Amino acid sequence: MITTGNNRWQDDELSPDLTPLLDIIFIVMVFLLLTASVKIKSLNVDLPQTETQILQTTSADPITINLLASEPHWALDGNQQKSWEAFS
């Protein structure tokens, strides 16, 4: 049976182009294969030893410095200072 060119073009128009889909599937497969076999490696680190086992603690009383928009501009622990010299 002899077929004409019109039938061939009509068949091609009905089937979707799967090339972009296959490209994406291949890229995702390669990505998953490369990342799935990664082993987490770690090294043992020799930490320095202290001579004394007493840890130094910091003071629990924080110092609060306030910078204000209006006069006086400086305050230390809520005590407003009139000038920079008094503040420092």
PDB file of N, CA and C in Angstrom:
ATOM      1  N   MET A   1       0.846  -1.170   0.000  1.00  0.00           N
ATOM      2  CA  MET A   1       0.000   0.000   0.000  1.00  0.00           C
ATOM      3  C   MET A   1       0.889   1.229   0.000  1.00  0.00           C
ATOM      4  N   ILE A   2       0.527   2.185  -0.785  1.00  0.00           N
ATOM      5  CA  ILE A   2       1.297   3.414  -0.904  1.00  0.00           C
ATOM      6  C   ILE A   2       0.677   4.453   0.021  1.00  0.00           C
ATOM      7  N   THR A   3       1.543   5.065   0.851  1.00  0.00           N
ATOM      8  CA  THR A   3       1.043   6.114   1.750  1.00  0.00           C
ATOM      9  C   THR A   3       1.501   7.459   1.241  1.00  0.00           C
ATOM     10  N   THR A   4       0.711   8.447   1.503  1.00  0.00           N
ATOM     11  CA  THR A   4       1.063   9.797   1.091  1.00  0.00           C
ATOM     12  C   THR A   4       1.764  10.514   2.233  1.00  0.00           C
ATOM     13  N   GLY A   5       2.391  11.627   1.934  1.00  0.00           N
ATOM     14  CA  GLY A   5       3.120  12.402   2.935  1.00  0.00           C
ATOM     15  C   GLY A   5       2.208  13.025   3.978  1.00  0.00           C
ATOM     16  N   ASN A   6       0.937  13.269   3.642  1.00  0.00           N
ATOM     17  CA  ASN A   6       0.020  13.893   4.592  1.00  0.00           C
ATOM     18  C   ASN A   6      -0.229  13.012   5.803  1.00  0.00           C
ATOM     19  N   ASN A   7      -0.351  11.728   5.609  1.00  0.00           N
ATOM     20  CA  ASN A   7      -0.617  10.824   6.728  1.00  0.00           C
ATOM     21  C   ASN A   7       0.555  10.801   7.711  1.00  0.00           C
ATOM     22  N   ARG A   8       1.774  10.834   7.179  1.00  0.00           N
ATOM     23  CA  ARG A   8       2.947  10.817   8.044  1.00  0.00           C
ATOM     24  C   ARG A   8       3.012  12.094   8.897  1.00  0.00           C
ATOM     25  N   TRP A   9       2.716  13.235   8.328  1.00  0.00           N
ATOM     26  CA  TRP A   9       2.752  14.495   9.084  1.00  0.00           C
ATOM     27  C   TRP A   9       1.644  14.533  10.130  1.00  0.00           C
ATOM     28  N   GLN A  10       0.510  13.975   9.826  1.00  0.00           N
ATOM     29  CA  GLN A  10      -0.582  13.968  10.796  1.00  0.00           C
ATOM     30  C   GLN A  10      -0.240  13.083  11.985  1.00  0.00           C
ATOM     31  N   ASP A  11       0.439  11.980  11.770  1.00  0.00           N
ATOM     32  CA  ASP A  11       0.838  11.107  12.876  1.00  0.00           C
ATOM     33  C   ASP A  11       1.869  11.789  13.773  1.00  0.00           C
ATOM     34  N   ASP A  12       2.794  12.537  13.187  1.00  0.00           N
ATOM     35  CA  ASP A  12       3.818  13.229  13.974  1.00  0.00           C
ATOM     36  C   ASP A  12       3.221  14.349  14.817  1.00  0.00           C
ATOM     37  N   GLU A  13       2.218  15.008  14.319  1.00  0.00           N
ATOM     38  CA  GLU A  13       1.606  16.100  15.066  1.00  0.00           C
ATOM     39  C   GLU A  13       0.848  15.594  16.284  1.00  0.00           C
ATOM     40  N   LEU A  14       0.359  14.384  16.246  1.00  0.00           N
ATOM     41  CA  LEU A  14      -0.402  13.850  17.361  1.00  0.00           C
ATOM     42  C   LEU A  14       0.489  13.368  18.503  1.00  0.00           C
ATOM     43  N   SER A  15       1.705  12.953  18.217  1.00  0.00           N
ATOM     44  CA  SER A  15       2.584  12.461  19.282  1.00  0.00           C
ATOM     45  C   SER A  15       3.399  13.629  19.852  1.00  0.00           C
ATOM     46  N   PRO A  16       3.463  13.726  21.174  1.00  0.00           N
ATOM     47  CA  PRO A  16       4.218  14.833  21.777  1.00  0.00           C
ATOM     48  C   PRO A  16       5.720  14.584  21.667  1.00  0.00           C
ATOM     49  N   ASP A  17       6.472  15.664  21.686  1.00  0.00           N
ATOM     50  CA  ASP A  17       7.931  15.563  21.644  1.00  0.00           C
ATOM     51  C   ASP A  17       8.431  15.250  23.053  1.00  0.00           C
ATOM     52  N   LEU A  18       8.989  14.081  23.241  1.00  0.00           N
ATOM     53  CA  LEU A  18       9.419  13.624  24.563  1.00  0.00           C
ATOM     54  C   LEU A  18      10.889  13.910  24.851  1.00  0.00           C
ATOM     55  N   THR A  19      11.589  14.552  23.948  1.00  0.00           N
ATOM     56  CA  THR A  19      13.016  14.803  24.144  1.00  0.00           C
ATOM     57  C   THR A  19      13.298  15.656  25.385  1.00  0.00           C
ATOM     58  N   PRO A  20      12.609  16.782  25.619  1.00  0.00           N
ATOM     59  CA  PRO A  20      12.890  17.549  26.840  1.00  0.00           C
ATOM     60  C   PRO A  20      12.585  16.769  28.117  1.00  0.00           C
ATOM     61  N   LEU A  21      11.523  15.971  28.092  1.00  0.00           N
ATOM     62  CA  LEU A  21      11.180  15.168  29.259  1.00  0.00           C
ATOM     63  C   LEU A  21      12.259  14.130  29.544  1.00  0.00           C
ATOM     64  N   LEU A  22      12.754  13.480  28.520  1.00  0.00           N
ATOM     65  CA  LEU A  22      13.817  12.494  28.699  1.00  0.00           C
ATOM     66  C   LEU A  22      15.108  13.148  29.181  1.00  0.00           C
ATOM     67  N   ASP A  23      15.405  14.353  28.710  1.00  0.00           N
ATOM     68  CA  ASP A  23      16.591  15.073  29.186  1.00  0.00           C
ATOM     69  C   ASP A  23      16.499  15.354  30.680  1.00  0.00           C
ATOM     70  N   ILE A  24      15.355  15.826  31.125  1.00  0.00           N
ATOM     71  CA  ILE A  24      15.174  16.142  32.546  1.00  0.00           C
ATOM     72  C   ILE A  24      15.249  14.876  33.390  1.00  0.00           C
ATOM     73  N   ILE A  25      14.631  13.800  32.929  1.00  0.00           N
ATOM     74  CA  ILE A  25      14.678  12.538  33.674  1.00  0.00           C
ATOM     75  C   ILE A  25      16.118  12.045  33.783  1.00  0.00           C
ATOM     76  N   PHE A  26      16.884  12.141  32.714  1.00  0.00           N
ATOM     77  CA  PHE A  26      18.280  11.716  32.743  1.00  0.00           C
ATOM     78  C   PHE A  26      19.090  12.565  33.720  1.00  0.00           C
ATOM     79  N   ILE A  27      18.901  13.865  33.715  1.00  0.00           N
ATOM     80  CA  ILE A  27      19.635  14.751  34.626  1.00  0.00           C
ATOM     81  C   ILE A  27      19.284  14.440  36.074  1.00  0.00           C
ATOM     82  N   VAL A  28      18.012  14.222  36.365  1.00  0.00           N
ATOM     83  CA  VAL A  28      17.597  13.894  37.735  1.00  0.00           C
ATOM     84  C   VAL A  28      18.172  12.550  38.160  1.00  0.00           C
ATOM     85  N   MET A  29      18.191  11.579  37.263  1.00  0.00           N
ATOM     86  CA  MET A  29      18.761  10.270  37.600  1.00  0.00           C
ATOM     87  C   MET A  29      20.250  10.377  37.896  1.00  0.00           C
ATOM     88  N   VAL A  30      20.978  11.134  37.103  1.00  0.00           N
ATOM     89  CA  VAL A  30      22.414  11.313  37.348  1.00  0.00           C
ATOM     90  C   VAL A  30      22.638  12.018  38.675  1.00  0.00           C
ATOM     91  N   PHE A  31      21.858  13.041  38.957  1.00  0.00           N
ATOM     92  CA  PHE A  31      21.986  13.755  40.229  1.00  0.00           C
ATOM     93  C   PHE A  31      21.736  12.822  41.406  1.00  0.00           C
ATOM     94  N   LEU A  32      20.684  12.028  41.339  1.00  0.00           N
ATOM     95  CA  LEU A  32      20.369  11.118  42.439  1.00  0.00           C
ATOM     96  C   LEU A  32      21.433  10.036  42.603  1.00  0.00           C
ATOM     97  N   LEU A  33      21.972   9.543  41.513  1.00  0.00           N
ATOM     98  CA  LEU A  33      23.021   8.526  41.608  1.00  0.00           C
ATOM     99  C   LEU A  33      24.297   9.091  42.226  1.00  0.00           C
ATOM    100  N   LEU A  34      24.628  10.324  41.895  1.00  0.00           N
ATOM    101  CA  LEU A  34      25.852  10.915  42.435  1.00  0.00           C
ATOM    102  C   LEU A  34      25.712  11.302  43.897  1.00  0.00           C
ATOM    103  N   THR A  35      24.548  11.749  44.307  1.00  0.00           N
ATOM    104  CA  THR A  35      24.379  12.215  45.688  1.00  0.00           C
ATOM    105  C   THR A  35      23.960  11.114  46.642  1.00  0.00           C
ATOM    106  N   ALA A  36      23.403  10.038  46.152  1.00  0.00           N
ATOM    107  CA  ALA A  36      22.927   8.981  47.045  1.00  0.00           C
ATOM    108  C   ALA A  36      24.067   8.161  47.622  1.00  0.00           C
ATOM    109  N   SER A  37      25.185   8.082  46.936  1.00  0.00           N
ATOM    110  CA  SER A  37      26.275   7.233  47.400  1.00  0.00           C
ATOM    111  C   SER A  37      27.340   7.998  48.185  1.00  0.00           C
ATOM    112  N   VAL A  38      27.075   9.219  48.560  1.00  0.00           N
ATOM    113  CA  VAL A  38      28.051  10.019  49.298  1.00  0.00           C
ATOM    114  C   VAL A  38      28.074   9.560  50.745  1.00  0.00           C
ATOM    115  N   LYS A  39      29.247   9.207  51.223  1.00  0.00           N
ATOM    116  CA  LYS A  39      29.405   8.811  52.616  1.00  0.00           C
ATOM    117  C   LYS A  39      29.952   9.996  53.399  1.00  0.00           C
ATOM    118  N   ILE A  40      29.427  10.186  54.580  1.00  0.00           N
ATOM    119  CA  ILE A  40      29.911  11.259  55.433  1.00  0.00           C
ATOM    120  C   ILE A  40      31.191  10.781  56.093  1.00  0.00           C
ATOM    121  N   LYS A  41      32.259  11.511  55.854  1.00  0.00           N
ATOM    122  CA  LYS A  41      33.550  11.153  56.417  1.00  0.00           C
ATOM    123  C   LYS A  41      33.896  12.152  57.508  1.00  0.00           C
ATOM    124  N   SER A  42      34.529  11.664  58.533  1.00  0.00           N
ATOM    125  CA  SER A  42      34.958  12.543  59.615  1.00  0.00           C
ATOM    126  C   SER A  42      36.362  12.164  60.036  1.00  0.00           C
ATOM    127  N   LEU A  43      37.046  13.128  60.594  1.00  0.00           N
ATOM    128  CA  LEU A  43      38.403  12.921  61.077  1.00  0.00           C
ATOM    129  C   LEU A  43      38.420  13.061  62.586  1.00  0.00           C
ATOM    130  N   ASN A  44      39.239  12.265  63.215  1.00  0.00           N
ATOM    131  CA  ASN A  44      39.426  12.421  64.652  1.00  0.00           C
ATOM    132  C   ASN A  44      40.359  13.600  64.899  1.00  0.00           C
ATOM    133  N   VAL A  45      39.948  14.474  65.784  1.00  0.00           N
ATOM    134  CA  VAL A  45      40.718  15.671  66.092  1.00  0.00           C
ATOM    135  C   VAL A  45      41.200  15.570  67.526  1.00  0.00           C
ATOM    136  N   ASP A  46      42.488  15.778  67.717  1.00  0.00           N
ATOM    137  CA  ASP A  46      43.046  15.787  69.064  1.00  0.00           C
ATOM    138  C   ASP A  46      42.841  17.171  69.664  1.00  0.00           C
ATOM    139  N   LEU A  47      41.989  17.265  70.659  1.00  0.00           N
ATOM    140  CA  LEU A  47      41.720  18.534  71.317  1.00  0.00           C
ATOM    141  C   LEU A  47      42.757  18.770  72.399  1.00  0.00           C
ATOM    142  N   PRO A  48      43.163  20.021  72.601  1.00  0.00           N
ATOM    143  CA  PRO A  48      44.147  20.299  73.645  1.00  0.00           C
ATOM    144  C   PRO A  48      43.541  20.102  75.030  1.00  0.00           C
ATOM    145  N   GLN A  49      44.354  19.621  75.942  1.00  0.00           N
ATOM    146  CA  GLN A  49      43.923  19.401  77.318  1.00  0.00           C
ATOM    147  C   GLN A  49      44.292  20.618  78.154  1.00  0.00           C
ATOM    148  N   THR A  50      43.439  20.955  79.096  1.00  0.00           N
ATOM    149  CA  THR A  50      43.730  22.067  79.994  1.00  0.00           C
ATOM    150  C   THR A  50      44.517  21.564  81.185  1.00  0.00           C
ATOM    151  N   GLU A  51      45.314  22.463  81.756  1.00  0.00           N
ATOM    152  CA  GLU A  51      46.090  22.079  82.933  1.00  0.00           C
ATOM    153  C   GLU A  51      45.203  21.980  84.162  1.00  0.00           C
ATOM    154  N   THR A  52      44.233  22.841  84.241  1.00  0.00           N
ATOM    155  CA  THR A  52      43.292  22.785  85.355  1.00  0.00           C
ATOM    156  C   THR A  52      41.908  22.516  84.793  1.00  0.00           C
ATOM    157  N   GLN A  53      41.116  21.836  85.542  1.00  0.00           N
ATOM    158  CA  GLN A  53      39.775  21.494  85.099  1.00  0.00           C
ATOM    159  C   GLN A  53      38.740  22.523  85.539  1.00  0.00           C
ATOM    160  N   ILE A  54      39.187  23.620  86.139  1.00  0.00           N
ATOM    161  CA  ILE A  54      38.267  24.659  86.598  1.00  0.00           C
ATOM    162  C   ILE A  54      37.972  25.588  85.419  1.00  0.00           C
ATOM    163  N   LEU A  55      36.719  25.757  85.136  1.00  0.00           N
ATOM    164  CA  LEU A  55      36.309  26.648  84.064  1.00  0.00           C
ATOM    165  C   LEU A  55      36.055  28.032  84.617  1.00  0.00           C
ATOM    166  N   GLN A  56      36.469  29.020  83.869  1.00  0.00           N
ATOM    167  CA  GLN A  56      36.213  30.392  84.280  1.00  0.00           C
ATOM    168  C   GLN A  56      34.813  30.783  83.829  1.00  0.00           C
ATOM    169  N   THR A  57      34.090  31.368  84.724  1.00  0.00           N
ATOM    170  CA  THR A  57      32.740  31.813  84.394  1.00  0.00           C
ATOM    171  C   THR A  57      32.733  33.318  84.252  1.00  0.00           C
ATOM    172  N   THR A  58      31.844  33.795  83.433  1.00  0.00           N
ATOM    173  CA  THR A  58      31.702  35.233  83.261  1.00  0.00           C
ATOM    174  C   THR A  58      30.727  35.761  84.295  1.00  0.00           C
ATOM    175  N   SER A  59      30.812  37.047  84.533  1.00  0.00           N
ATOM    176  CA  SER A  59      29.912  37.639  85.521  1.00  0.00           C
ATOM    177  C   SER A  59      28.484  37.627  84.991  1.00  0.00           C
ATOM    178  N   ALA A  60      27.551  37.456  85.888  1.00  0.00           N
ATOM    179  CA  ALA A  60      26.148  37.370  85.506  1.00  0.00           C
ATOM    180  C   ALA A  60      25.493  38.743  85.417  1.00  0.00           C
ATOM    181  N   ASP A  61      26.204  39.789  85.818  1.00  0.00           N
ATOM    182  CA  ASP A  61      25.643  41.140  85.792  1.00  0.00           C
ATOM    183  C   ASP A  61      26.038  41.831  84.490  1.00  0.00           C
ATOM    184  N   PRO A  62      25.124  41.942  83.546  1.00  0.00           N
ATOM    185  CA  PRO A  62      25.459  42.622  82.298  1.00  0.00           C
ATOM    186  C   PRO A  62      25.446  44.134  82.484  1.00  0.00           C
ATOM    187  N   ILE A  63      26.191  44.813  81.636  1.00  0.00           N
ATOM    188  CA  ILE A  63      26.216  46.276  81.621  1.00  0.00           C
ATOM    189  C   ILE A  63      25.360  46.723  80.446  1.00  0.00           C
ATOM    190  N   THR A  64      24.423  47.608  80.709  1.00  0.00           N
ATOM    191  CA  THR A  64      23.527  48.096  79.672  1.00  0.00           C
ATOM    192  C   THR A  64      23.910  49.520  79.308  1.00  0.00           C
ATOM    193  N   ILE A  65      24.176  49.741  78.024  1.00  0.00           N
ATOM    194  CA  ILE A  65      24.492  51.075  77.515  1.00  0.00           C
ATOM    195  C   ILE A  65      23.333  51.497  76.630  1.00  0.00           C
ATOM    196  N   ASN A  66      22.730  52.644  76.946  1.00  0.00           N
ATOM    197  CA  ASN A  66      21.598  53.154  76.188  1.00  0.00           C
ATOM    198  C   ASN A  66      22.035  54.363  75.382  1.00  0.00           C
ATOM    199  N   LEU A  67      21.679  54.391  74.114  1.00  0.00           N
ATOM    200  CA  LEU A  67      21.881  55.554  73.260  1.00  0.00           C
ATOM    201  C   LEU A  67      20.499  56.105  72.949  1.00  0.00           C
ATOM    202  N   LEU A  68      20.247  57.333  73.396  1.00  0.00           N
ATOM    203  CA  LEU A  68      18.916  57.919  73.304  1.00  0.00           C
ATOM    204  C   LEU A  68      18.856  58.944  72.187  1.00  0.00           C
ATOM    205  N   ALA A  69      17.659  59.145  71.635  1.00  0.00           N
ATOM    206  CA  ALA A  69      17.476  60.105  70.552  1.00  0.00           C
ATOM    207  C   ALA A  69      17.395  61.530  71.080  1.00  0.00           C
ATOM    208  N   SER A  70      16.884  61.704  72.293  1.00  0.00           N
ATOM    209  CA  SER A  70      16.737  63.054  72.846  1.00  0.00           C
ATOM    210  C   SER A  70      17.806  63.285  73.909  1.00  0.00           C
ATOM    211  N   GLU A  71      17.941  64.536  74.351  1.00  0.00           N
ATOM    212  CA  GLU A  71      18.919  64.892  75.391  1.00  0.00           C
ATOM    213  C   GLU A  71      18.517  64.265  76.701  1.00  0.00           C
ATOM    214  N   PRO A  72      19.355  63.800  77.507  1.00  0.00           N
ATOM    215  CA  PRO A  72      20.754  63.425  77.291  1.00  0.00           C
ATOM    216  C   PRO A  72      20.829  62.161  76.442  1.00  0.00           C
ATOM    217  N   HIS A  73      21.839  62.099  75.597  1.00  0.00           N
ATOM    218  CA  HIS A  73      21.941  61.018  74.619  1.00  0.00           C
ATOM    219  C   HIS A  73      22.509  59.722  75.188  1.00  0.00           C
ATOM    220  N   TRP A  74      23.139  59.765  76.348  1.00  0.00           N
ATOM    221  CA  TRP A  74      23.833  58.579  76.860  1.00  0.00           C
ATOM    222  C   TRP A  74      23.261  58.157  78.195  1.00  0.00           C
ATOM    223  N   ALA A  75      23.194  56.838  78.415  1.00  0.00           N
ATOM    224  CA  ALA A  75      22.769  56.300  79.702  1.00  0.00           C
ATOM    225  C   ALA A  75      23.521  54.998  79.946  1.00  0.00           C
ATOM    226  N   LEU A  76      23.921  54.794  81.190  1.00  0.00           N
ATOM    227  CA  LEU A  76      24.643  53.589  81.577  1.00  0.00           C
ATOM    228  C   LEU A  76      23.842  52.909  82.671  1.00  0.00           C
ATOM    229  N   ASP A  77      23.329  51.706  82.396  1.00  0.00           N
ATOM    230  CA  ASP A  77      22.451  50.968  83.309  1.00  0.00           C
ATOM    231  C   ASP A  77      21.247  51.800  83.745  1.00  0.00           C
ATOM    232  N   GLY A  78      20.697  52.570  82.829  1.00  0.00           N
ATOM    233  CA  GLY A  78      19.520  53.379  83.116  1.00  0.00           C
ATOM    234  C   GLY A  78      19.822  54.734  83.735  1.00  0.00           C
ATOM    235  N   ASN A  79      21.067  55.005  84.137  1.00  0.00           N
ATOM    236  CA  ASN A  79      21.452  56.302  84.704  1.00  0.00           C
ATOM    237  C   ASN A  79      21.884  57.220  83.577  1.00  0.00           C
ATOM    238  N   GLN A  80      21.087  58.270  83.337  1.00  0.00           N
ATOM    239  CA  GLN A  80      21.373  59.174  82.232  1.00  0.00           C
ATOM    240  C   GLN A  80      22.563  60.060  82.578  1.00  0.00           C
ATOM    241  N   GLN A  81      23.438  60.255  81.590  1.00  0.00           N
ATOM    242  CA  GLN A  81      24.631  61.084  81.743  1.00  0.00           C
ATOM    243  C   GLN A  81      24.439  62.341  80.906  1.00  0.00           C
ATOM    244  N   LYS A  82      24.761  63.490  81.487  1.00  0.00           N
ATOM    245  CA  LYS A  82      24.518  64.769  80.810  1.00  0.00           C
ATOM    246  C   LYS A  82      25.508  65.027  79.684  1.00  0.00           C
ATOM    247  N   SER A  83      26.751  64.581  79.814  1.00  0.00           N
ATOM    248  CA  SER A  83      27.755  64.853  78.789  1.00  0.00           C
ATOM    249  C   SER A  83      28.549  63.579  78.499  1.00  0.00           C
ATOM    250  N   TRP A  84      29.308  63.631  77.407  1.00  0.00           N
ATOM    251  CA  TRP A  84      30.138  62.491  77.040  1.00  0.00           C
ATOM    252  C   TRP A  84      31.242  62.249  78.060  1.00  0.00           C
ATOM    253  N   GLU A  85      31.789  63.327  78.617  1.00  0.00           N
ATOM    254  CA  GLU A  85      32.846  63.196  79.611  1.00  0.00           C
ATOM    255  C   GLU A  85      32.328  62.479  80.857  1.00  0.00           C
ATOM    256  N   ALA A  86      31.116  62.789  81.281  1.00  0.00           N
ATOM    257  CA  ALA A  86      30.538  62.123  82.447  1.00  0.00           C
ATOM    258  C   ALA A  86      30.210  60.660  82.128  1.00  0.00           C
ATOM    259  N   PHE A  87      29.866  60.401  80.883  1.00  0.00           N
ATOM    260  CA  PHE A  87      29.537  59.035  80.470  1.00  0.00           C
ATOM    261  C   PHE A  87      30.779  58.157  80.429  1.00  0.00           C
ATOM    262  N   SER A  88      31.863  58.715  79.886  1.00  0.00           N
ATOM    263  CA  SER A  88      33.079  57.914  79.757  1.00  0.00           C
ATOM    264  C   SER A  88      33.891  58.046  81.005  1.00  0.00           C
TER     265      SER A  88
END
